[in-house]
């Protein structure tokens, strides 16, 4: 998609400086414009909720680069408990 939209990948980054190809508000600091190949359209998937689901975690690639799934779940549970908002 990036190449089709006229973008380039340099050093594993969009236009050599952005780590992601989907973002809101990232502008090329040299031109002040959105880099070619950058999309603000999210990539969506859908998953039906199940009765045993506790909560939904939404995160960008930045979150998942720092935390694995179990660490993110522990963090969310701890935050819900700390704010007495488990229901």
C-alpha atoms as a PDB file:
ATOM      1  CA  UNK A   1       0.000   0.000   0.000  1.00  0.00           C
ATOM      2  CA  UNK A   2       2.785   2.439   0.883  1.00  0.00           C
ATOM      3  CA  UNK A   3       4.588   1.998  -2.429  1.00  0.00           C
ATOM      4  CA  UNK A   4       1.321   2.086  -4.374  1.00  0.00           C
ATOM      5  CA  UNK A   5       0.567   5.490  -2.779  1.00  0.00           C
ATOM      6  CA  UNK A   6       3.977   6.882  -3.759  1.00  0.00           C
ATOM      7  CA  UNK A   7       5.711   6.369  -0.419  1.00  0.00           C
ATOM      8  CA  UNK A   8       9.148   4.962   0.243  1.00  0.00           C
ATOM      9  CA  UNK A   9      10.565   2.705   2.931  1.00  0.00           C
ATOM     10  CA  UNK A  10      14.091   3.666   4.015  1.00  0.00           C
ATOM     11  CA  UNK A  11      15.826   1.904   6.883  1.00  0.00           C
ATOM     12  CA  UNK A  12      12.547   0.183   7.796  1.00  0.00           C
ATOM     13  CA  UNK A  13      10.750   3.545   8.171  1.00  0.00           C
ATOM     14  CA  UNK A  14       8.245   5.404   6.039  1.00  0.00           C
ATOM     15  CA  UNK A  15      10.166   8.147   4.199  1.00  0.00           C
ATOM     16  CA  UNK A  16      13.119   7.297   6.423  1.00  0.00           C
ATOM     17  CA  UNK A  17      11.677   8.785   9.629  1.00  0.00           C
ATOM     18  CA  UNK A  18       8.252   7.383  10.581  1.00  0.00           C
ATOM     19  CA  UNK A  19       8.099   3.997  12.238  1.00  0.00           C
ATOM     20  CA  UNK A  20       4.473   3.420  11.214  1.00  0.00           C
ATOM     21  CA  UNK A  21       2.564   3.741   7.956  1.00  0.00           C
ATOM     22  CA  UNK A  22      -0.779   4.536   9.598  1.00  0.00           C
ATOM     23  CA  UNK A  23      -0.982   7.575  11.855  1.00  0.00           C
ATOM     24  CA  UNK A  24      -2.949  10.700  12.590  1.00  0.00           C
ATOM     25  CA  UNK A  25      -1.177  14.045  12.428  1.00  0.00           C
ATOM     26  CA  UNK A  26       2.375  12.999  11.552  1.00  0.00           C
ATOM     27  CA  UNK A  27       3.854  15.520   9.156  1.00  0.00           C
ATOM     28  CA  UNK A  28       7.177  15.598   7.394  1.00  0.00           C
ATOM     29  CA  UNK A  29       9.151  18.220   9.341  1.00  0.00           C
ATOM     30  CA  UNK A  30      10.954  19.323   6.185  1.00  0.00           C
ATOM     31  CA  UNK A  31       7.817  19.978   4.106  1.00  0.00           C
ATOM     32  CA  UNK A  32       5.045  20.340   6.685  1.00  0.00           C
ATOM     33  CA  UNK A  33       2.964  17.883   4.635  1.00  0.00           C
ATOM     34  CA  UNK A  34       1.815  14.323   5.168  1.00  0.00           C
ATOM     35  CA  UNK A  35       4.474  11.974   3.756  1.00  0.00           C
ATOM     36  CA  UNK A  36       3.449  10.006   0.659  1.00  0.00           C
ATOM     37  CA  UNK A  37       2.263   6.568   1.746  1.00  0.00           C
ATOM     38  CA  UNK A  38       1.080   7.639   5.215  1.00  0.00           C
ATOM     39  CA  UNK A  39      -2.539   6.725   5.799  1.00  0.00           C
ATOM     40  CA  UNK A  40      -4.930   7.976   8.451  1.00  0.00           C
ATOM     41  CA  UNK A  41      -7.315   5.139   7.619  1.00  0.00           C
ATOM     42  CA  UNK A  42      -7.082   2.512  10.363  1.00  0.00           C
ATOM     43  CA  UNK A  43      -6.726  -1.181   9.678  1.00  0.00           C
ATOM     44  CA  UNK A  44      -9.725  -2.748  11.382  1.00  0.00           C
ATOM     45  CA  UNK A  45     -10.581  -6.233  12.496  1.00  0.00           C
ATOM     46  CA  UNK A  46     -13.671  -7.378  14.294  1.00  0.00           C
ATOM     47  CA  UNK A  47     -14.000  -9.933  17.064  1.00  0.00           C
ATOM     48  CA  UNK A  48     -17.297 -10.832  18.753  1.00  0.00           C
ATOM     49  CA  UNK A  49     -17.326 -10.305  22.524  1.00  0.00           C
ATOM     50  CA  UNK A  50     -17.809 -13.391  24.652  1.00  0.00           C
ATOM     51  CA  UNK A  51     -19.542 -13.568  28.071  1.00  0.00           C
ATOM     52  CA  UNK A  52     -16.215 -14.428  29.742  1.00  0.00           C
ATOM     53  CA  UNK A  53     -14.425 -11.340  28.314  1.00  0.00           C
ATOM     54  CA  UNK A  54     -13.381  -8.999  31.135  1.00  0.00           C
ATOM     55  CA  UNK A  55     -12.581  -5.916  29.054  1.00  0.00           C
ATOM     56  CA  UNK A  56     -11.307  -4.797  25.678  1.00  0.00           C
ATOM     57  CA  UNK A  57      -7.738  -3.582  25.262  1.00  0.00           C
ATOM     58  CA  UNK A  58      -7.053  -1.225  22.391  1.00  0.00           C
ATOM     59  CA  UNK A  59      -3.484  -0.304  21.668  1.00  0.00           C
ATOM     60  CA  UNK A  60      -1.199   0.859  18.930  1.00  0.00           C
ATOM     61  CA  UNK A  61       1.959  -0.846  17.813  1.00  0.00           C
ATOM     62  CA  UNK A  62       3.823   1.304  20.346  1.00  0.00           C
ATOM     63  CA  UNK A  63       1.998  -0.377  23.240  1.00  0.00           C
ATOM     64  CA  UNK A  64       2.558  -3.887  21.928  1.00  0.00           C
ATOM     65  CA  UNK A  65       6.246  -3.161  21.337  1.00  0.00           C
ATOM     66  CA  UNK A  66       6.589  -2.392  25.077  1.00  0.00           C
ATOM     67  CA  UNK A  67       4.183  -4.876  26.668  1.00  0.00           C
ATOM     68  CA  UNK A  68       3.248  -8.426  25.886  1.00  0.00           C
ATOM     69  CA  UNK A  69      -0.422  -9.384  26.118  1.00  0.00           C
ATOM     70  CA  UNK A  70      -0.246 -10.736  29.691  1.00  0.00           C
ATOM     71  CA  UNK A  71       1.551  -7.622  30.975  1.00  0.00           C
ATOM     72  CA  UNK A  72      -1.090  -5.398  29.337  1.00  0.00           C
ATOM     73  CA  UNK A  73      -3.885  -7.455  30.931  1.00  0.00           C
ATOM     74  CA  UNK A  74      -2.230  -7.246  34.386  1.00  0.00           C
ATOM     75  CA  UNK A  75      -1.844  -3.487  33.990  1.00  0.00           C
ATOM     76  CA  UNK A  76      -5.485  -3.028  32.930  1.00  0.00           C
ATOM     77  CA  UNK A  77      -6.779  -5.197  35.795  1.00  0.00           C
ATOM     78  CA  UNK A  78      -4.653  -3.320  38.339  1.00  0.00           C
ATOM     79  CA  UNK A  79      -5.896   0.038  37.035  1.00  0.00           C
ATOM     80  CA  UNK A  80      -9.531  -1.052  37.170  1.00  0.00           C
ATOM     81  CA  UNK A  81      -9.090  -2.310  40.737  1.00  0.00           C
ATOM     82  CA  UNK A  82      -7.260   0.847  41.815  1.00  0.00           C
ATOM     83  CA  UNK A  83     -10.198   2.948  40.663  1.00  0.00           C
ATOM     84  CA  UNK A  84     -12.840   0.558  42.060  1.00  0.00           C
ATOM     85  CA  UNK A  85     -14.279   0.245  38.556  1.00  0.00           C
ATOM     86  CA  UNK A  86     -14.156  -3.501  38.055  1.00  0.00           C
ATOM     87  CA  UNK A  87     -17.770  -3.778  36.958  1.00  0.00           C
END
